[in-house]
Amino acid sequence: LGTASLVLATSKLLMYIFAYKVINIVGYVHMITLALFCYSVRFVVYGILLDPWWVMPVEILDGFTTSALWVTLATYIAQAVPLKLLATSQGILHGFYWGVGTGTGSFVAGELIRAVGAVDTFYLCASMNFVVMICYAVTQWFFPKPEMKFAESEQIVSRDGGKTLPFDMPMVPTSNIDDE
């Protein structure tokens, strides 16, 4: 368990550090699709594992499924919403991802494990995730949005023309920012 935690933490840390570079290469849409694909792979592998040591390579994918997805969603929202709604939109994302998603997922998975067993639950979750990934990819294919990129420099110009810190955080207190 300790070794798995180390592998998990290392993969997450590396992805948090390098996520912006990967996003700039593949884009937000492909990064979300890749994360959903990695979730499906993880669930399938968890379903077929017989030796617990094989969980180590699978935990490396958690960097994509959790860290990269979180960075992608948070930065996409930071660029897509008006500055005055940034905190609200991040709060909504956080609430849905960690609150509704984790709470509902834990409850539903627990009931599925009780009803059909752990292995079939992993396969079912992989299948559902794969369907969501396909639906997302098809939707993005037919209704594309302009691709956004991370800023290359440490200090960027925000959407309202003011100087900001990385990730579009204003350098001045929010009480000094004019309403848009």
N, C-alpha and C. Protein backbone atom coordinates (compact mmCIF):
# COMPACT_ATOMS: atom_id res chain seq x y z
N LEU A 1 0.83 -1.19 0.00
CA LEU A 1 0.00 0.00 0.00
C LEU A 1 0.87 1.26 0.00
N GLY A 2 1.95 1.23 0.74
CA GLY A 2 2.84 2.38 0.78
C GLY A 2 3.50 2.65 -0.55
N THR A 3 3.92 1.59 -1.22
CA THR A 3 4.56 1.75 -2.53
C THR A 3 3.55 2.26 -3.56
N ALA A 4 2.34 1.75 -3.51
CA ALA A 4 1.30 2.21 -4.42
C ALA A 4 0.99 3.69 -4.18
N SER A 5 0.97 4.10 -2.93
CA SER A 5 0.73 5.51 -2.61
C SER A 5 1.86 6.39 -3.14
N LEU A 6 3.09 5.90 -3.05
CA LEU A 6 4.23 6.65 -3.57
C LEU A 6 4.13 6.80 -5.09
N VAL A 7 3.80 5.73 -5.78
CA VAL A 7 3.65 5.78 -7.24
C VAL A 7 2.52 6.72 -7.62
N LEU A 8 1.41 6.63 -6.89
CA LEU A 8 0.25 7.48 -7.15
C LEU A 8 0.60 8.95 -6.95
N ALA A 9 1.23 9.27 -5.82
CA ALA A 9 1.58 10.66 -5.52
C ALA A 9 2.59 11.21 -6.52
N THR A 10 3.55 10.39 -6.92
CA THR A 10 4.55 10.83 -7.89
C THR A 10 3.91 11.12 -9.25
N SER A 11 3.02 10.24 -9.70
CA SER A 11 2.37 10.47 -11.00
C SER A 11 1.51 11.72 -10.97
N LYS A 12 0.83 11.95 -9.84
CA LYS A 12 0.01 13.16 -9.73
C LYS A 12 0.88 14.41 -9.71
N LEU A 13 1.95 14.38 -8.94
CA LEU A 13 2.83 15.53 -8.85
C LEU A 13 3.42 15.87 -10.21
N LEU A 14 3.92 14.87 -10.92
CA LEU A 14 4.50 15.11 -12.25
C LEU A 14 3.47 15.67 -13.21
N MET A 15 2.24 15.17 -13.13
CA MET A 15 1.22 15.68 -14.04
C MET A 15 0.81 17.09 -13.67
N TYR A 16 0.76 17.41 -12.38
CA TYR A 16 0.46 18.79 -12.00
C TYR A 16 1.54 19.74 -12.51
N ILE A 17 2.78 19.28 -12.51
CA ILE A 17 3.89 20.12 -12.97
C ILE A 17 3.86 20.30 -14.48
N PHE A 18 3.60 19.23 -15.22
CA PHE A 18 3.72 19.27 -16.67
C PHE A 18 2.39 19.32 -17.41
N ALA A 19 1.29 19.43 -16.72
CA ALA A 19 -0.03 19.40 -17.38
C ALA A 19 -0.17 20.51 -18.41
N TYR A 20 0.31 21.71 -18.09
CA TYR A 20 0.14 22.81 -19.04
C TYR A 20 0.85 22.54 -20.36
N LYS A 21 2.00 21.86 -20.30
CA LYS A 21 2.71 21.55 -21.54
C LYS A 21 1.94 20.53 -22.37
N VAL A 22 1.40 19.53 -21.69
CA VAL A 22 0.62 18.51 -22.40
C VAL A 22 -0.65 19.13 -22.99
N ILE A 23 -1.30 20.00 -22.22
CA ILE A 23 -2.51 20.66 -22.71
C ILE A 23 -2.19 21.51 -23.94
N ASN A 24 -1.07 22.21 -23.92
CA ASN A 24 -0.68 23.02 -25.08
C ASN A 24 -0.40 22.17 -26.30
N ILE A 25 0.04 20.95 -26.10
CA ILE A 25 0.33 20.05 -27.23
C ILE A 25 -0.95 19.43 -27.77
N VAL A 26 -1.77 18.87 -26.88
CA VAL A 26 -2.95 18.12 -27.35
C VAL A 26 -4.24 18.92 -27.30
N GLY A 27 -4.30 19.97 -26.49
CA GLY A 27 -5.51 20.77 -26.38
C GLY A 27 -6.43 20.26 -25.29
N TYR A 28 -7.36 21.11 -24.90
CA TYR A 28 -8.28 20.78 -23.80
C TYR A 28 -9.20 19.60 -24.13
N VAL A 29 -9.78 19.62 -25.31
CA VAL A 29 -10.73 18.57 -25.69
C VAL A 29 -10.06 17.21 -25.70
N HIS A 30 -8.88 17.13 -26.30
CA HIS A 30 -8.17 15.85 -26.38
C HIS A 30 -7.67 15.41 -25.00
N MET A 31 -7.33 16.37 -24.16
CA MET A 31 -6.87 16.03 -22.81
C MET A 31 -8.01 15.41 -22.00
N ILE A 32 -9.20 15.98 -22.11
CA ILE A 32 -10.36 15.41 -21.41
C ILE A 32 -10.67 14.03 -21.96
N THR A 33 -10.62 13.89 -23.28
CA THR A 33 -10.86 12.58 -23.89
C THR A 33 -9.82 11.56 -23.44
N LEU A 34 -8.56 11.96 -23.39
CA LEU A 34 -7.50 11.07 -22.93
C LEU A 34 -7.70 10.66 -21.47
N ALA A 35 -8.11 11.60 -20.64
CA ALA A 35 -8.35 11.29 -19.23
C ALA A 35 -9.51 10.29 -19.09
N LEU A 36 -10.57 10.48 -19.85
CA LEU A 36 -11.69 9.53 -19.80
C LEU A 36 -11.26 8.15 -20.30
N PHE A 37 -10.43 8.12 -21.33
CA PHE A 37 -9.91 6.84 -21.83
C PHE A 37 -9.06 6.15 -20.75
N CYS A 38 -8.20 6.92 -20.09
CA CYS A 38 -7.36 6.35 -19.03
C CYS A 38 -8.20 5.82 -17.87
N TYR A 39 -9.30 6.49 -17.55
CA TYR A 39 -10.22 5.95 -16.53
C TYR A 39 -10.73 4.58 -16.96
N SER A 40 -11.15 4.46 -18.21
CA SER A 40 -11.65 3.17 -18.70
C SER A 40 -10.59 2.09 -18.62
N VAL A 41 -9.36 2.42 -19.02
CA VAL A 41 -8.26 1.46 -18.96
C VAL A 41 -8.02 1.03 -17.51
N ARG A 42 -7.99 2.00 -16.59
CA ARG A 42 -7.77 1.67 -15.17
C ARG A 42 -8.83 0.71 -14.67
N PHE A 43 -10.10 0.98 -14.99
CA PHE A 43 -11.18 0.11 -14.51
C PHE A 43 -11.06 -1.30 -15.08
N VAL A 44 -10.72 -1.42 -16.35
CA VAL A 44 -10.56 -2.75 -16.96
C VAL A 44 -9.41 -3.49 -16.29
N VAL A 45 -8.29 -2.83 -16.11
CA VAL A 45 -7.13 -3.48 -15.50
C VAL A 45 -7.43 -3.88 -14.06
N TYR A 46 -8.09 -3.01 -13.30
CA TYR A 46 -8.47 -3.39 -11.93
C TYR A 46 -9.35 -4.63 -11.94
N GLY A 47 -10.18 -4.77 -12.96
CA GLY A 47 -11.05 -5.95 -13.04
C GLY A 47 -10.31 -7.24 -13.34
N ILE A 48 -9.18 -7.17 -14.03
CA ILE A 48 -8.46 -8.39 -14.40
C ILE A 48 -7.26 -8.69 -13.52
N LEU A 49 -6.91 -7.77 -12.63
CA LEU A 49 -5.73 -7.97 -11.79
C LEU A 49 -5.87 -9.18 -10.87
N LEU A 50 -4.86 -10.01 -10.86
CA LEU A 50 -4.80 -11.13 -9.93
C LEU A 50 -3.69 -10.94 -8.91
N ASP A 51 -2.61 -10.29 -9.34
CA ASP A 51 -1.48 -10.02 -8.46
C ASP A 51 -1.53 -8.54 -8.07
N PRO A 52 -1.63 -8.24 -6.77
CA PRO A 52 -1.76 -6.84 -6.35
C PRO A 52 -0.58 -5.95 -6.74
N TRP A 53 0.58 -6.52 -7.02
CA TRP A 53 1.72 -5.70 -7.41
C TRP A 53 1.52 -5.05 -8.78
N TRP A 54 0.63 -5.61 -9.59
CA TRP A 54 0.38 -5.03 -10.91
C TRP A 54 -0.45 -3.74 -10.83
N VAL A 55 -0.85 -3.37 -9.63
CA VAL A 55 -1.57 -2.11 -9.47
C VAL A 55 -0.62 -0.93 -9.66
N MET A 56 0.67 -1.15 -9.46
CA MET A 56 1.66 -0.05 -9.56
C MET A 56 1.64 0.64 -10.93
N PRO A 57 1.78 -0.10 -12.03
CA PRO A 57 1.74 0.59 -13.33
C PRO A 57 0.40 1.27 -13.60
N VAL A 58 -0.67 0.69 -13.07
CA VAL A 58 -1.99 1.27 -13.29
C VAL A 58 -2.13 2.59 -12.54
N GLU A 59 -1.49 2.69 -11.39
CA GLU A 59 -1.57 3.92 -10.60
C GLU A 59 -0.89 5.09 -11.31
N ILE A 60 0.02 4.80 -12.22
CA ILE A 60 0.64 5.88 -12.99
C ILE A 60 -0.41 6.61 -13.82
N LEU A 61 -1.42 5.88 -14.28
CA LEU A 61 -2.48 6.51 -15.07
C LEU A 61 -3.30 7.50 -14.25
N ASP A 62 -3.23 7.41 -12.93
CA ASP A 62 -3.98 8.34 -12.10
C ASP A 62 -3.52 9.78 -12.31
N GLY A 63 -2.29 9.95 -12.74
CA GLY A 63 -1.83 11.29 -13.08
C GLY A 63 -2.69 11.91 -14.17
N PHE A 64 -3.08 11.09 -15.16
CA PHE A 64 -3.95 11.58 -16.23
C PHE A 64 -5.40 11.65 -15.77
N THR A 65 -5.85 10.64 -15.05
CA THR A 65 -7.27 10.58 -14.73
C THR A 65 -7.70 11.58 -13.68
N THR A 66 -6.84 11.93 -12.77
CA THR A 66 -7.22 12.88 -11.74
C THR A 66 -6.52 14.22 -11.95
N SER A 67 -5.21 14.23 -11.90
CA SER A 67 -4.46 15.50 -11.95
C SER A 67 -4.62 16.22 -13.27
N ALA A 68 -4.38 15.55 -14.36
CA ALA A 68 -4.46 16.21 -15.66
C ALA A 68 -5.89 16.66 -15.95
N LEU A 69 -6.85 15.82 -15.59
CA LEU A 69 -8.25 16.19 -15.81
C LEU A 69 -8.61 17.40 -14.96
N TRP A 70 -8.18 17.42 -13.71
CA TRP A 70 -8.50 18.54 -12.83
C TRP A 70 -7.87 19.84 -13.34
N VAL A 71 -6.61 19.80 -13.72
CA VAL A 71 -5.94 20.99 -14.26
C VAL A 71 -6.63 21.45 -15.54
N THR A 72 -6.99 20.51 -16.38
CA THR A 72 -7.66 20.84 -17.64
C THR A 72 -8.99 21.52 -17.40
N LEU A 73 -9.80 20.93 -16.55
CA LEU A 73 -11.12 21.51 -16.27
C LEU A 73 -11.00 22.88 -15.60
N ALA A 74 -10.13 22.98 -14.61
CA ALA A 74 -10.00 24.23 -13.87
C ALA A 74 -9.47 25.36 -14.76
N THR A 75 -8.49 25.08 -15.58
CA THR A 75 -7.94 26.14 -16.43
C THR A 75 -8.86 26.48 -17.59
N TYR A 76 -9.57 25.49 -18.10
CA TYR A 76 -10.54 25.78 -19.16
C TYR A 76 -11.63 26.70 -18.64
N ILE A 77 -12.15 26.39 -17.47
CA ILE A 77 -13.18 27.24 -16.89
C ILE A 77 -12.62 28.63 -16.59
N ALA A 78 -11.39 28.70 -16.11
CA ALA A 78 -10.79 30.00 -15.80
C ALA A 78 -10.69 30.88 -17.05
N GLN A 79 -10.54 30.29 -18.21
CA GLN A 79 -10.43 31.05 -19.44
C GLN A 79 -11.79 31.27 -20.11
N ALA A 80 -12.76 30.42 -19.79
CA ALA A 80 -14.03 30.45 -20.51
C ALA A 80 -15.09 31.34 -19.86
N VAL A 81 -14.96 31.65 -18.60
CA VAL A 81 -15.99 32.42 -17.91
C VAL A 81 -15.51 33.85 -17.67
N PRO A 82 -16.44 34.79 -17.51
CA PRO A 82 -16.04 36.16 -17.16
C PRO A 82 -15.29 36.16 -15.83
N LEU A 83 -14.37 37.09 -15.70
CA LEU A 83 -13.53 37.17 -14.51
C LEU A 83 -14.34 37.27 -13.22
N LYS A 84 -15.44 38.00 -13.25
CA LYS A 84 -16.22 38.16 -12.02
C LYS A 84 -16.94 36.87 -11.62
N LEU A 85 -17.03 35.89 -12.50
CA LEU A 85 -17.66 34.61 -12.18
C LEU A 85 -16.65 33.49 -11.96
N LEU A 86 -15.37 33.84 -11.94
CA LEU A 86 -14.32 32.82 -11.83
C LEU A 86 -14.43 32.01 -10.54
N ALA A 87 -14.54 32.67 -9.41
CA ALA A 87 -14.62 31.95 -8.14
C ALA A 87 -15.87 31.08 -8.07
N THR A 88 -16.99 31.60 -8.55
CA THR A 88 -18.24 30.84 -8.53
C THR A 88 -18.13 29.61 -9.41
N SER A 89 -17.60 29.78 -10.61
CA SER A 89 -17.49 28.64 -11.53
C SER A 89 -16.52 27.59 -11.00
N GLN A 90 -15.41 28.03 -10.39
CA GLN A 90 -14.47 27.07 -9.80
C GLN A 90 -15.13 26.33 -8.64
N GLY A 91 -15.93 27.04 -7.85
CA GLY A 91 -16.65 26.40 -6.74
C GLY A 91 -17.65 25.37 -7.24
N ILE A 92 -18.36 25.69 -8.31
CA ILE A 92 -19.33 24.75 -8.89
C ILE A 92 -18.60 23.52 -9.42
N LEU A 93 -17.50 23.74 -10.14
CA LEU A 93 -16.70 22.61 -10.64
C LEU A 93 -16.24 21.73 -9.48
N HIS A 94 -15.69 22.37 -8.46
CA HIS A 94 -15.20 21.63 -7.30
C HIS A 94 -16.32 20.84 -6.62
N GLY A 95 -17.46 21.47 -6.46
CA GLY A 95 -18.60 20.80 -5.83
C GLY A 95 -19.09 19.60 -6.62
N PHE A 96 -19.19 19.76 -7.94
CA PHE A 96 -19.64 18.64 -8.76
C PHE A 96 -18.60 17.53 -8.84
N TYR A 97 -17.36 17.89 -9.07
CA TYR A 97 -16.32 16.89 -9.25
C TYR A 97 -16.09 16.09 -7.97
N TRP A 98 -15.82 16.80 -6.87
CA TRP A 98 -15.47 16.11 -5.63
C TRP A 98 -16.70 15.78 -4.78
N GLY A 99 -17.71 16.59 -4.82
CA GLY A 99 -18.89 16.36 -3.98
C GLY A 99 -19.87 15.40 -4.62
N VAL A 100 -20.53 15.86 -5.67
CA VAL A 100 -21.55 15.04 -6.33
C VAL A 100 -20.92 13.81 -6.97
N GLY A 101 -19.82 14.01 -7.71
CA GLY A 101 -19.18 12.88 -8.40
C GLY A 101 -18.67 11.82 -7.46
N THR A 102 -17.91 12.23 -6.46
CA THR A 102 -17.34 11.26 -5.51
C THR A 102 -18.43 10.63 -4.65
N GLY A 103 -19.35 11.44 -4.17
CA GLY A 103 -20.42 10.92 -3.31
C GLY A 103 -21.32 9.95 -4.05
N THR A 104 -21.80 10.36 -5.21
CA THR A 104 -22.68 9.50 -6.00
C THR A 104 -21.93 8.28 -6.49
N GLY A 105 -20.70 8.48 -6.96
CA GLY A 105 -19.91 7.36 -7.46
C GLY A 105 -19.63 6.32 -6.40
N SER A 106 -19.31 6.77 -5.20
CA SER A 106 -19.05 5.82 -4.10
C SER A 106 -20.30 5.04 -3.74
N PHE A 107 -21.43 5.72 -3.68
CA PHE A 107 -22.68 5.05 -3.34
C PHE A 107 -23.08 4.04 -4.42
N VAL A 108 -23.08 4.48 -5.67
CA VAL A 108 -23.49 3.61 -6.78
C VAL A 108 -22.53 2.43 -6.92
N ALA A 109 -21.22 2.69 -6.82
CA ALA A 109 -20.25 1.60 -6.93
C ALA A 109 -20.42 0.60 -5.79
N GLY A 110 -20.67 1.09 -4.60
CA GLY A 110 -20.90 0.19 -3.47
C GLY A 110 -22.11 -0.70 -3.69
N GLU A 111 -23.18 -0.13 -4.19
CA GLU A 111 -24.38 -0.92 -4.47
C GLU A 111 -24.14 -1.90 -5.61
N LEU A 112 -23.39 -1.48 -6.63
CA LEU A 112 -23.08 -2.39 -7.74
C LEU A 112 -22.20 -3.55 -7.27
N ILE A 113 -21.24 -3.26 -6.42
CA ILE A 113 -20.38 -4.32 -5.91
C ILE A 113 -21.21 -5.33 -5.12
N ARG A 114 -22.15 -4.83 -4.35
CA ARG A 114 -23.01 -5.73 -3.57
C ARG A 114 -23.90 -6.55 -4.50
N ALA A 115 -24.36 -5.94 -5.61
CA ALA A 115 -25.29 -6.62 -6.50
C ALA A 115 -24.61 -7.57 -7.48
N VAL A 116 -23.50 -7.15 -8.10
CA VAL A 116 -22.90 -7.96 -9.17
C VAL A 116 -21.47 -8.38 -8.90
N GLY A 117 -20.85 -7.86 -7.84
CA GLY A 117 -19.47 -8.20 -7.52
C GLY A 117 -18.50 -7.13 -8.00
N ALA A 118 -17.29 -7.17 -7.45
CA ALA A 118 -16.29 -6.13 -7.73
C ALA A 118 -15.80 -6.16 -9.18
N VAL A 119 -15.51 -7.35 -9.68
CA VAL A 119 -14.95 -7.45 -11.04
C VAL A 119 -15.93 -6.91 -12.07
N ASP A 120 -17.18 -7.35 -11.99
CA ASP A 120 -18.18 -6.86 -12.95
C ASP A 120 -18.45 -5.37 -12.78
N THR A 121 -18.33 -4.87 -11.55
CA THR A 121 -18.49 -3.43 -11.33
C THR A 121 -17.39 -2.66 -12.04
N PHE A 122 -16.15 -3.14 -11.97
CA PHE A 122 -15.07 -2.47 -12.69
C PHE A 122 -15.33 -2.47 -14.19
N TYR A 123 -15.77 -3.59 -14.72
CA TYR A 123 -16.07 -3.67 -16.16
C TYR A 123 -17.22 -2.75 -16.54
N LEU A 124 -18.24 -2.69 -15.70
CA LEU A 124 -19.38 -1.83 -15.96
C LEU A 124 -18.97 -0.36 -15.93
N CYS A 125 -18.15 0.00 -14.94
CA CYS A 125 -17.66 1.39 -14.85
C CYS A 125 -16.79 1.74 -16.06
N ALA A 126 -15.96 0.80 -16.49
CA ALA A 126 -15.13 1.04 -17.68
C ALA A 126 -16.02 1.25 -18.90
N SER A 127 -17.05 0.44 -19.04
CA SER A 127 -17.96 0.57 -20.18
C SER A 127 -18.69 1.90 -20.15
N MET A 128 -19.21 2.28 -18.98
CA MET A 128 -19.93 3.56 -18.87
C MET A 128 -18.99 4.73 -19.17
N ASN A 129 -17.78 4.64 -18.65
CA ASN A 129 -16.81 5.70 -18.89
C ASN A 129 -16.47 5.80 -20.37
N PHE A 130 -16.33 4.66 -21.02
CA PHE A 130 -16.02 4.65 -22.44
C PHE A 130 -17.16 5.27 -23.25
N VAL A 131 -18.41 4.98 -22.88
CA VAL A 131 -19.56 5.56 -23.55
C VAL A 131 -19.57 7.08 -23.37
N VAL A 132 -19.29 7.53 -22.15
CA VAL A 132 -19.22 8.98 -21.90
C VAL A 132 -18.11 9.60 -22.75
N MET A 133 -16.97 8.93 -22.83
CA MET A 133 -15.87 9.45 -23.64
C MET A 133 -16.28 9.57 -25.11
N ILE A 134 -16.94 8.56 -25.64
CA ILE A 134 -17.38 8.60 -27.04
C ILE A 134 -18.40 9.72 -27.25
N CYS A 135 -19.36 9.84 -26.34
CA CYS A 135 -20.36 10.91 -26.45
C CYS A 135 -19.70 12.28 -26.40
N TYR A 136 -18.75 12.45 -25.50
CA TYR A 136 -18.02 13.72 -25.39
C TYR A 136 -17.25 14.01 -26.68
N ALA A 137 -16.52 13.02 -27.19
CA ALA A 137 -15.72 13.21 -28.40
C ALA A 137 -16.61 13.52 -29.60
N VAL A 138 -17.73 12.82 -29.74
CA VAL A 138 -18.64 13.07 -30.85
C VAL A 138 -19.25 14.46 -30.74
N THR A 139 -19.64 14.85 -29.53
CA THR A 139 -20.19 16.19 -29.33
C THR A 139 -19.18 17.26 -29.69
N GLN A 140 -17.93 17.07 -29.27
CA GLN A 140 -16.89 18.04 -29.59
C GLN A 140 -16.57 18.06 -31.09
N TRP A 141 -16.73 16.93 -31.74
CA TRP A 141 -16.47 16.85 -33.17
C TRP A 141 -17.52 17.67 -33.94
N PHE A 142 -18.80 17.51 -33.55
CA PHE A 142 -19.87 18.19 -34.28
C PHE A 142 -20.09 19.64 -33.84
N PHE A 143 -19.70 19.97 -32.62
CA PHE A 143 -19.87 21.33 -32.11
C PHE A 143 -18.54 21.85 -31.56
N PRO A 144 -17.55 22.01 -32.43
CA PRO A 144 -16.22 22.41 -31.93
C PRO A 144 -16.22 23.85 -31.42
N LYS A 145 -15.37 24.10 -30.47
CA LYS A 145 -15.15 25.44 -29.92
C LYS A 145 -13.71 25.82 -30.24
N PRO A 146 -13.42 27.11 -30.31
CA PRO A 146 -12.02 27.51 -30.55
C PRO A 146 -11.12 26.98 -29.44
N GLU A 147 -9.99 26.45 -29.83
CA GLU A 147 -9.06 25.86 -28.86
C GLU A 147 -8.31 26.97 -28.13
N MET A 148 -8.22 26.84 -26.80
CA MET A 148 -7.47 27.80 -25.99
C MET A 148 -6.16 27.14 -25.56
N LYS A 149 -5.17 27.96 -25.26
CA LYS A 149 -3.87 27.47 -24.82
C LYS A 149 -3.47 28.17 -23.54
N PHE A 150 -2.59 27.53 -22.77
CA PHE A 150 -1.98 28.17 -21.61
C PHE A 150 -1.10 29.30 -22.08
N ALA A 151 -0.93 30.31 -21.26
CA ALA A 151 0.00 31.40 -21.57
C ALA A 151 1.43 30.86 -21.43
N GLU A 152 2.28 31.31 -22.31
CA GLU A 152 3.66 30.83 -22.31
C GLU A 152 4.52 31.47 -21.23
N SER A 153 4.19 32.70 -20.84
CA SER A 153 5.04 33.41 -19.88
C SER A 153 4.49 33.29 -18.47
N GLU A 154 5.31 33.65 -17.51
CA GLU A 154 4.89 33.62 -16.12
C GLU A 154 3.86 34.71 -15.82
N GLN A 155 4.00 35.86 -16.46
CA GLN A 155 3.04 36.93 -16.26
C GLN A 155 2.31 37.15 -17.57
N ILE A 156 1.00 37.13 -17.52
CA ILE A 156 0.21 37.23 -18.73
C ILE A 156 -0.73 38.42 -18.63
N VAL A 157 -1.31 38.76 -19.74
CA VAL A 157 -2.32 39.80 -19.75
C VAL A 157 -3.67 39.12 -19.68
N SER A 158 -4.51 39.58 -18.75
CA SER A 158 -5.81 38.95 -18.58
C SER A 158 -6.77 39.38 -19.67
N ARG A 159 -7.95 38.79 -19.66
CA ARG A 159 -8.94 39.12 -20.66
C ARG A 159 -9.37 40.57 -20.59
N ASP A 160 -9.30 41.17 -19.40
CA ASP A 160 -9.71 42.57 -19.28
C ASP A 160 -8.53 43.53 -19.48
N GLY A 161 -7.36 43.03 -19.88
CA GLY A 161 -6.23 43.86 -20.20
C GLY A 161 -5.29 44.13 -19.05
N GLY A 162 -5.65 43.74 -17.82
CA GLY A 162 -4.80 43.96 -16.67
C GLY A 162 -3.73 42.88 -16.54
N LYS A 163 -2.66 43.20 -15.82
CA LYS A 163 -1.60 42.22 -15.60
C LYS A 163 -2.08 41.20 -14.57
N THR A 164 -1.70 39.96 -14.77
CA THR A 164 -2.11 38.90 -13.85
C THR A 164 -0.93 38.00 -13.54
N LEU A 165 -1.12 37.19 -12.53
CA LEU A 165 -0.18 36.13 -12.21
C LEU A 165 -0.50 34.94 -13.10
N PRO A 166 0.27 33.85 -13.02
CA PRO A 166 -0.07 32.68 -13.83
C PRO A 166 -1.49 32.21 -13.55
N PHE A 167 -2.11 31.60 -14.54
CA PHE A 167 -3.44 31.02 -14.45
C PHE A 167 -4.52 32.07 -14.26
N ASP A 168 -4.26 33.30 -14.77
CA ASP A 168 -5.26 34.35 -14.81
C ASP A 168 -5.71 34.82 -13.44
N MET A 169 -4.84 34.76 -12.43
CA MET A 169 -5.18 35.28 -11.11
C MET A 169 -4.76 36.74 -11.07
N PRO A 170 -5.67 37.67 -10.74
CA PRO A 170 -5.31 39.08 -10.73
C PRO A 170 -4.24 39.39 -9.70
N MET A 171 -3.36 40.35 -10.02
CA MET A 171 -2.32 40.76 -9.09
C MET A 171 -2.86 41.78 -8.10
N VAL A 172 -4.02 42.34 -8.37
CA VAL A 172 -4.62 43.30 -7.45
C VAL A 172 -5.76 42.62 -6.71
N PRO A 173 -6.12 43.08 -5.52
CA PRO A 173 -7.27 42.48 -4.83
C PRO A 173 -8.52 42.58 -5.69
N THR A 174 -9.40 41.62 -5.58
CA THR A 174 -10.60 41.60 -6.43
C THR A 174 -11.50 42.79 -6.17
N SER A 175 -11.38 43.44 -5.01
CA SER A 175 -12.22 44.61 -4.75
C SER A 175 -11.81 45.78 -5.66
N ASN A 176 -10.62 45.74 -6.22
CA ASN A 176 -10.16 46.82 -7.11
C ASN A 176 -10.45 46.54 -8.58
N ILE A 177 -10.97 45.37 -8.87
CA ILE A 177 -11.26 45.03 -10.27
C ILE A 177 -12.63 45.57 -10.61
N ASP A 178 -12.70 46.31 -11.70
CA ASP A 178 -13.98 46.85 -12.14
C ASP A 178 -14.88 45.73 -12.61
N ASP A 179 -16.18 45.89 -12.40
CA ASP A 179 -17.14 44.91 -12.92
C ASP A 179 -17.14 44.98 -14.42
N GLU A 180 -17.29 43.81 -15.01
CA GLU A 180 -17.32 43.75 -16.47
C GLU A 180 -18.72 44.00 -16.96
